Each structure stands twice: as C-alpha cells, then as structure tokens.
Amino acid sequence: MSPQTRLAHSRRRARGRWRVPKLDAAGESRAADLHRRQLRLAAAPLALLFAGILGLPLLFAAFPALDTIRLLGIPISWLALAVLPYPALTALAIWQLHRAEQTEDDTQ
C-alpha cells in the first residue's frame, strides 16, 4: 500500500462518520417544502433538455438536405451535433440554478 493511500485511510478513520444534522420540526418542514419546490422547478429544464437532445436527430431525419449544406467543409448537421448542445446545456444549467436559488431565497 502506498504512503498516500495509508494517509488517506488514516485521515478517514480519524474524522469519524459524517452524520446528517438533525432539524427541528419547523426546519424539517421547510426543507421538505423547498425540496418539493425545486423538484417541480426542475421539470421544465429537464423537458427542454430531452426535447433538444431528441429533437436534433429528428430534425436531421426530417430535413436530410442539412447534410449537404457545408460550413468550412463540415456538414451543418455535424456542427449542430458537436457544437450546439454545449451552450444550450450551459444556458439550461444557469437558468435552473438561478430559479433554484430564487426559490431558496423565497423560503427564508
């Protein structure tokens, strides 16, 4: 066993088990309500994610001429599959994060 592994194992044992903090009844109720609200808010970005991921192949199947259009020698369909999802995923993540933070601020 390497010295780093032994050190990591010894640190883990020294700290003890992590325990979930206990909440009072009001705090537990607020936490459960916040969790339900954030799950409900996650439905729209999740639906948009699936629509985008599943929509691109359906779009290319519906319009096969997109394979013939080229930009810098690369088919538009390939560029759309390789480049378009990442900014869209980033935008969805930022949108969901702001909504979740607003919900958390509203419950406090």
N, C-alpha and C. Protein backbone atom coordinates (compact mmCIF):
# COMPACT_ATOMS: atom_id res chain seq x y z
N MET A 1 0.85 -1.17 0.00
CA MET A 1 0.00 0.00 0.00
C MET A 1 0.90 1.23 0.00
N SER A 2 0.56 2.19 -0.83
CA SER A 2 1.38 3.39 -0.94
C SER A 2 1.21 4.28 0.30
N PRO A 3 2.19 5.12 0.57
CA PRO A 3 2.05 6.02 1.73
C PRO A 3 0.85 6.96 1.62
N GLN A 4 0.53 7.40 0.39
CA GLN A 4 -0.62 8.29 0.22
C GLN A 4 -1.92 7.58 0.58
N THR A 5 -2.03 6.32 0.17
CA THR A 5 -3.25 5.56 0.48
C THR A 5 -3.38 5.34 1.97
N ARG A 6 -2.28 5.00 2.63
CA ARG A 6 -2.33 4.81 4.08
C ARG A 6 -2.73 6.10 4.78
N LEU A 7 -2.18 7.21 4.31
CA LEU A 7 -2.50 8.50 4.90
C LEU A 7 -3.99 8.83 4.72
N ALA A 8 -4.51 8.58 3.53
CA ALA A 8 -5.93 8.84 3.28
C ALA A 8 -6.82 7.97 4.16
N HIS A 9 -6.45 6.71 4.30
CA HIS A 9 -7.25 5.81 5.15
C HIS A 9 -7.18 6.25 6.62
N SER A 10 -6.02 6.66 7.07
CA SER A 10 -5.91 7.07 8.48
C SER A 10 -6.70 8.35 8.74
N ARG A 11 -6.70 9.27 7.79
CA ARG A 11 -7.48 10.51 7.96
C ARG A 11 -8.97 10.21 8.01
N ARG A 12 -9.42 9.29 7.17
CA ARG A 12 -10.84 8.97 7.14
C ARG A 12 -11.27 8.37 8.47
N ARG A 13 -10.45 7.51 9.04
CA ARG A 13 -10.80 6.88 10.31
C ARG A 13 -10.77 7.89 11.45
N ALA A 14 -9.84 8.83 11.38
CA ALA A 14 -9.69 9.79 12.48
C ALA A 14 -10.88 10.73 12.56
N ARG A 15 -11.45 11.08 11.43
CA ARG A 15 -12.56 12.04 11.42
C ARG A 15 -13.86 11.44 11.95
N GLY A 16 -14.03 10.17 11.83
CA GLY A 16 -15.28 9.56 12.25
C GLY A 16 -16.33 9.63 11.16
N ARG A 17 -17.48 9.13 11.46
CA ARG A 17 -18.56 9.10 10.47
C ARG A 17 -19.22 10.46 10.38
N TRP A 18 -19.63 10.79 9.17
CA TRP A 18 -20.37 12.02 8.97
C TRP A 18 -21.82 11.75 9.29
N ARG A 19 -22.43 12.60 10.03
CA ARG A 19 -23.83 12.40 10.40
C ARG A 19 -24.68 13.54 9.83
N VAL A 20 -25.86 13.16 9.42
CA VAL A 20 -26.82 14.15 8.92
C VAL A 20 -27.28 15.00 10.09
N PRO A 21 -27.23 16.31 9.97
CA PRO A 21 -27.67 17.14 11.09
C PRO A 21 -29.17 16.98 11.33
N LYS A 22 -29.54 16.99 12.57
CA LYS A 22 -30.95 16.87 12.93
C LYS A 22 -31.60 18.24 12.89
N LEU A 23 -32.78 18.30 12.30
CA LEU A 23 -33.52 19.56 12.21
C LEU A 23 -34.71 19.51 13.16
N ASP A 24 -35.12 20.69 13.59
CA ASP A 24 -36.34 20.74 14.38
C ASP A 24 -37.54 20.54 13.44
N ALA A 25 -38.72 20.45 13.96
CA ALA A 25 -39.90 20.15 13.14
C ALA A 25 -40.14 21.24 12.09
N ALA A 26 -39.97 22.50 12.47
CA ALA A 26 -40.20 23.59 11.51
C ALA A 26 -39.15 23.58 10.41
N GLY A 27 -37.89 23.33 10.78
CA GLY A 27 -36.82 23.28 9.79
C GLY A 27 -36.98 22.10 8.84
N GLU A 28 -37.42 20.99 9.39
CA GLU A 28 -37.65 19.81 8.56
C GLU A 28 -38.79 20.05 7.57
N SER A 29 -39.82 20.72 8.02
CA SER A 29 -40.95 21.04 7.14
C SER A 29 -40.51 21.99 6.03
N ARG A 30 -39.73 23.03 6.38
CA ARG A 30 -39.23 23.97 5.37
C ARG A 30 -38.31 23.28 4.37
N ALA A 31 -37.46 22.37 4.85
CA ALA A 31 -36.54 21.67 3.96
C ALA A 31 -37.32 20.77 2.99
N ALA A 32 -38.33 20.09 3.49
CA ALA A 32 -39.14 19.22 2.62
C ALA A 32 -39.90 20.05 1.59
N ASP A 33 -40.43 21.20 2.02
CA ASP A 33 -41.15 22.08 1.09
C ASP A 33 -40.21 22.63 0.02
N LEU A 34 -39.02 23.04 0.42
CA LEU A 34 -38.03 23.54 -0.53
C LEU A 34 -37.64 22.46 -1.52
N HIS A 35 -37.45 21.24 -1.05
CA HIS A 35 -37.10 20.13 -1.92
C HIS A 35 -38.19 19.87 -2.95
N ARG A 36 -39.44 19.88 -2.53
CA ARG A 36 -40.56 19.68 -3.46
C ARG A 36 -40.63 20.78 -4.49
N ARG A 37 -40.44 22.04 -4.06
CA ARG A 37 -40.48 23.17 -5.00
C ARG A 37 -39.36 23.07 -6.03
N GLN A 38 -38.16 22.73 -5.58
CA GLN A 38 -37.04 22.64 -6.52
C GLN A 38 -37.20 21.47 -7.49
N LEU A 39 -37.78 20.38 -7.03
CA LEU A 39 -38.06 19.27 -7.95
C LEU A 39 -39.08 19.69 -9.01
N ARG A 40 -40.10 20.43 -8.58
CA ARG A 40 -41.11 20.90 -9.51
C ARG A 40 -40.49 21.86 -10.54
N LEU A 41 -39.60 22.73 -10.07
CA LEU A 41 -38.94 23.68 -10.96
C LEU A 41 -38.02 22.98 -11.96
N ALA A 42 -37.49 21.83 -11.60
CA ALA A 42 -36.54 21.12 -12.47
C ALA A 42 -37.24 20.46 -13.66
N ALA A 43 -38.55 20.37 -13.64
CA ALA A 43 -39.28 19.68 -14.71
C ALA A 43 -39.13 20.41 -16.05
N ALA A 44 -39.23 21.73 -16.06
CA ALA A 44 -39.14 22.48 -17.32
C ALA A 44 -37.77 22.38 -17.97
N PRO A 45 -36.66 22.63 -17.23
CA PRO A 45 -35.35 22.47 -17.88
C PRO A 45 -35.09 21.03 -18.32
N LEU A 46 -35.58 20.07 -17.57
CA LEU A 46 -35.39 18.68 -17.95
C LEU A 46 -36.16 18.36 -19.23
N ALA A 47 -37.37 18.87 -19.35
CA ALA A 47 -38.14 18.66 -20.58
C ALA A 47 -37.47 19.33 -21.77
N LEU A 48 -36.93 20.54 -21.57
CA LEU A 48 -36.21 21.21 -22.65
C LEU A 48 -34.93 20.46 -23.03
N LEU A 49 -34.27 19.89 -22.06
CA LEU A 49 -33.07 19.10 -22.32
C LEU A 49 -33.41 17.90 -23.21
N PHE A 50 -34.43 17.16 -22.83
CA PHE A 50 -34.83 15.99 -23.63
C PHE A 50 -35.32 16.41 -25.01
N ALA A 51 -36.05 17.51 -25.08
CA ALA A 51 -36.52 17.98 -26.38
C ALA A 51 -35.35 18.36 -27.28
N GLY A 52 -34.35 19.00 -26.71
CA GLY A 52 -33.19 19.38 -27.51
C GLY A 52 -32.36 18.19 -27.94
N ILE A 53 -32.11 17.28 -27.01
CA ILE A 53 -31.27 16.11 -27.33
C ILE A 53 -31.98 15.19 -28.33
N LEU A 54 -33.27 14.98 -28.13
CA LEU A 54 -34.01 14.11 -29.05
C LEU A 54 -34.46 14.86 -30.30
N GLY A 55 -34.55 16.17 -30.20
CA GLY A 55 -35.03 16.95 -31.34
C GLY A 55 -34.03 17.08 -32.46
N LEU A 56 -32.76 17.14 -32.15
CA LEU A 56 -31.76 17.28 -33.21
C LEU A 56 -31.77 16.10 -34.19
N PRO A 57 -31.71 14.85 -33.72
CA PRO A 57 -31.78 13.74 -34.68
C PRO A 57 -33.09 13.72 -35.46
N LEU A 58 -34.19 14.08 -34.81
CA LEU A 58 -35.47 14.12 -35.52
C LEU A 58 -35.47 15.23 -36.58
N LEU A 59 -34.85 16.35 -36.26
CA LEU A 59 -34.72 17.44 -37.22
C LEU A 59 -33.90 17.00 -38.43
N PHE A 60 -32.82 16.30 -38.19
CA PHE A 60 -31.98 15.83 -39.29
C PHE A 60 -32.67 14.75 -40.11
N ALA A 61 -33.48 13.93 -39.46
CA ALA A 61 -34.24 12.92 -40.21
C ALA A 61 -35.32 13.59 -41.06
N ALA A 62 -35.91 14.65 -40.54
CA ALA A 62 -36.97 15.33 -41.29
C ALA A 62 -36.41 16.17 -42.44
N PHE A 63 -35.21 16.68 -42.27
CA PHE A 63 -34.58 17.52 -43.30
C PHE A 63 -33.20 16.97 -43.67
N PRO A 64 -33.16 15.91 -44.49
CA PRO A 64 -31.87 15.32 -44.85
C PRO A 64 -30.99 16.25 -45.69
N ALA A 65 -31.55 17.31 -46.23
CA ALA A 65 -30.76 18.25 -47.03
C ALA A 65 -29.73 18.99 -46.16
N LEU A 66 -29.92 18.99 -44.84
CA LEU A 66 -28.96 19.64 -43.97
C LEU A 66 -27.58 18.97 -44.03
N ASP A 67 -27.53 17.72 -44.45
CA ASP A 67 -26.25 17.04 -44.59
C ASP A 67 -25.45 17.57 -45.78
N THR A 68 -26.13 18.15 -46.74
CA THR A 68 -25.43 18.63 -47.93
C THR A 68 -24.91 20.06 -47.77
N ILE A 69 -25.48 20.81 -46.84
CA ILE A 69 -25.02 22.18 -46.60
C ILE A 69 -23.75 22.11 -45.75
N ARG A 70 -22.71 22.79 -46.20
CA ARG A 70 -21.43 22.71 -45.51
C ARG A 70 -20.95 24.11 -45.10
N LEU A 71 -20.30 24.14 -43.96
CA LEU A 71 -19.66 25.35 -43.47
C LEU A 71 -18.21 25.00 -43.17
N LEU A 72 -17.29 25.62 -43.88
CA LEU A 72 -15.87 25.30 -43.77
C LEU A 72 -15.59 23.83 -44.08
N GLY A 73 -16.37 23.27 -44.98
CA GLY A 73 -16.18 21.89 -45.40
C GLY A 73 -16.80 20.85 -44.47
N ILE A 74 -17.48 21.30 -43.43
CA ILE A 74 -18.10 20.37 -42.46
C ILE A 74 -19.61 20.49 -42.60
N PRO A 75 -20.32 19.35 -42.68
CA PRO A 75 -21.78 19.42 -42.79
C PRO A 75 -22.40 20.14 -41.59
N ILE A 76 -23.42 20.92 -41.87
CA ILE A 76 -24.12 21.67 -40.81
C ILE A 76 -24.66 20.73 -39.74
N SER A 77 -25.14 19.57 -40.15
CA SER A 77 -25.69 18.63 -39.17
C SER A 77 -24.62 18.18 -38.17
N TRP A 78 -23.40 17.97 -38.64
CA TRP A 78 -22.32 17.57 -37.74
C TRP A 78 -21.96 18.70 -36.79
N LEU A 79 -21.90 19.90 -37.32
CA LEU A 79 -21.60 21.05 -36.47
C LEU A 79 -22.68 21.25 -35.39
N ALA A 80 -23.92 21.09 -35.81
CA ALA A 80 -25.02 21.24 -34.85
C ALA A 80 -24.94 20.20 -33.75
N LEU A 81 -24.60 18.97 -34.10
CA LEU A 81 -24.49 17.91 -33.09
C LEU A 81 -23.27 18.10 -32.19
N ALA A 82 -22.18 18.63 -32.74
CA ALA A 82 -20.95 18.74 -31.97
C ALA A 82 -20.86 20.03 -31.17
N VAL A 83 -21.49 21.11 -31.63
CA VAL A 83 -21.30 22.41 -31.01
C VAL A 83 -22.55 22.91 -30.28
N LEU A 84 -23.69 22.77 -30.87
CA LEU A 84 -24.92 23.35 -30.34
C LEU A 84 -25.33 22.87 -28.94
N PRO A 85 -25.20 21.59 -28.60
CA PRO A 85 -25.68 21.16 -27.28
C PRO A 85 -24.97 21.81 -26.09
N TYR A 86 -23.69 22.12 -26.21
CA TYR A 86 -22.95 22.62 -25.05
C TYR A 86 -23.39 24.00 -24.58
N PRO A 87 -23.52 24.98 -25.45
CA PRO A 87 -24.06 26.26 -24.97
C PRO A 87 -25.50 26.12 -24.47
N ALA A 88 -26.27 25.26 -25.11
CA ALA A 88 -27.66 25.06 -24.67
C ALA A 88 -27.69 24.43 -23.28
N LEU A 89 -26.85 23.45 -23.03
CA LEU A 89 -26.79 22.83 -21.70
C LEU A 89 -26.32 23.83 -20.65
N THR A 90 -25.36 24.66 -21.01
CA THR A 90 -24.88 25.67 -20.08
C THR A 90 -25.99 26.67 -19.75
N ALA A 91 -26.71 27.10 -20.75
CA ALA A 91 -27.81 28.04 -20.52
C ALA A 91 -28.90 27.41 -19.66
N LEU A 92 -29.24 26.16 -19.91
CA LEU A 92 -30.23 25.47 -19.08
C LEU A 92 -29.76 25.34 -17.64
N ALA A 93 -28.49 25.03 -17.45
CA ALA A 93 -27.95 24.87 -16.10
C ALA A 93 -27.98 26.20 -15.35
N ILE A 94 -27.59 27.28 -16.02
CA ILE A 94 -27.59 28.59 -15.37
C ILE A 94 -29.02 29.02 -15.04
N TRP A 95 -29.94 28.78 -15.96
CA TRP A 95 -31.35 29.11 -15.73
C TRP A 95 -31.90 28.34 -14.52
N GLN A 96 -31.62 27.04 -14.47
CA GLN A 96 -32.11 26.22 -13.36
C GLN A 96 -31.47 26.65 -12.05
N LEU A 97 -30.19 26.97 -12.07
CA LEU A 97 -29.51 27.40 -10.85
C LEU A 97 -30.13 28.68 -10.31
N HIS A 98 -30.38 29.65 -11.17
CA HIS A 98 -31.00 30.90 -10.72
C HIS A 98 -32.40 30.66 -10.16
N ARG A 99 -33.16 29.80 -10.81
CA ARG A 99 -34.51 29.51 -10.30
C ARG A 99 -34.45 28.81 -8.96
N ALA A 100 -33.53 27.87 -8.79
CA ALA A 100 -33.40 27.15 -7.52
C ALA A 100 -32.96 28.11 -6.42
N GLU A 101 -32.02 29.01 -6.72
CA GLU A 101 -31.57 29.97 -5.72
C GLU A 101 -32.68 30.94 -5.34
N GLN A 102 -33.49 31.35 -6.31
CA GLN A 102 -34.61 32.24 -6.01
C GLN A 102 -35.61 31.54 -5.08
N THR A 103 -35.87 30.29 -5.36
CA THR A 103 -36.79 29.53 -4.52
C THR A 103 -36.25 29.40 -3.11
N GLU A 104 -34.95 29.15 -3.00
CA GLU A 104 -34.35 29.03 -1.68
C GLU A 104 -34.40 30.37 -0.94
N ASP A 105 -34.16 31.46 -1.65
CA ASP A 105 -34.22 32.79 -1.00
C ASP A 105 -35.64 33.12 -0.58
N ASP A 106 -36.63 32.70 -1.35
CA ASP A 106 -38.03 32.99 -1.03
C ASP A 106 -38.50 32.26 0.22
N THR A 107 -37.92 31.09 0.49
CA THR A 107 -38.38 30.31 1.65
C THR A 107 -37.72 30.76 2.94
N GLN A 108 -36.71 31.60 2.86
CA GLN A 108 -36.03 32.02 4.09
C GLN A 108 -36.68 33.19 4.73
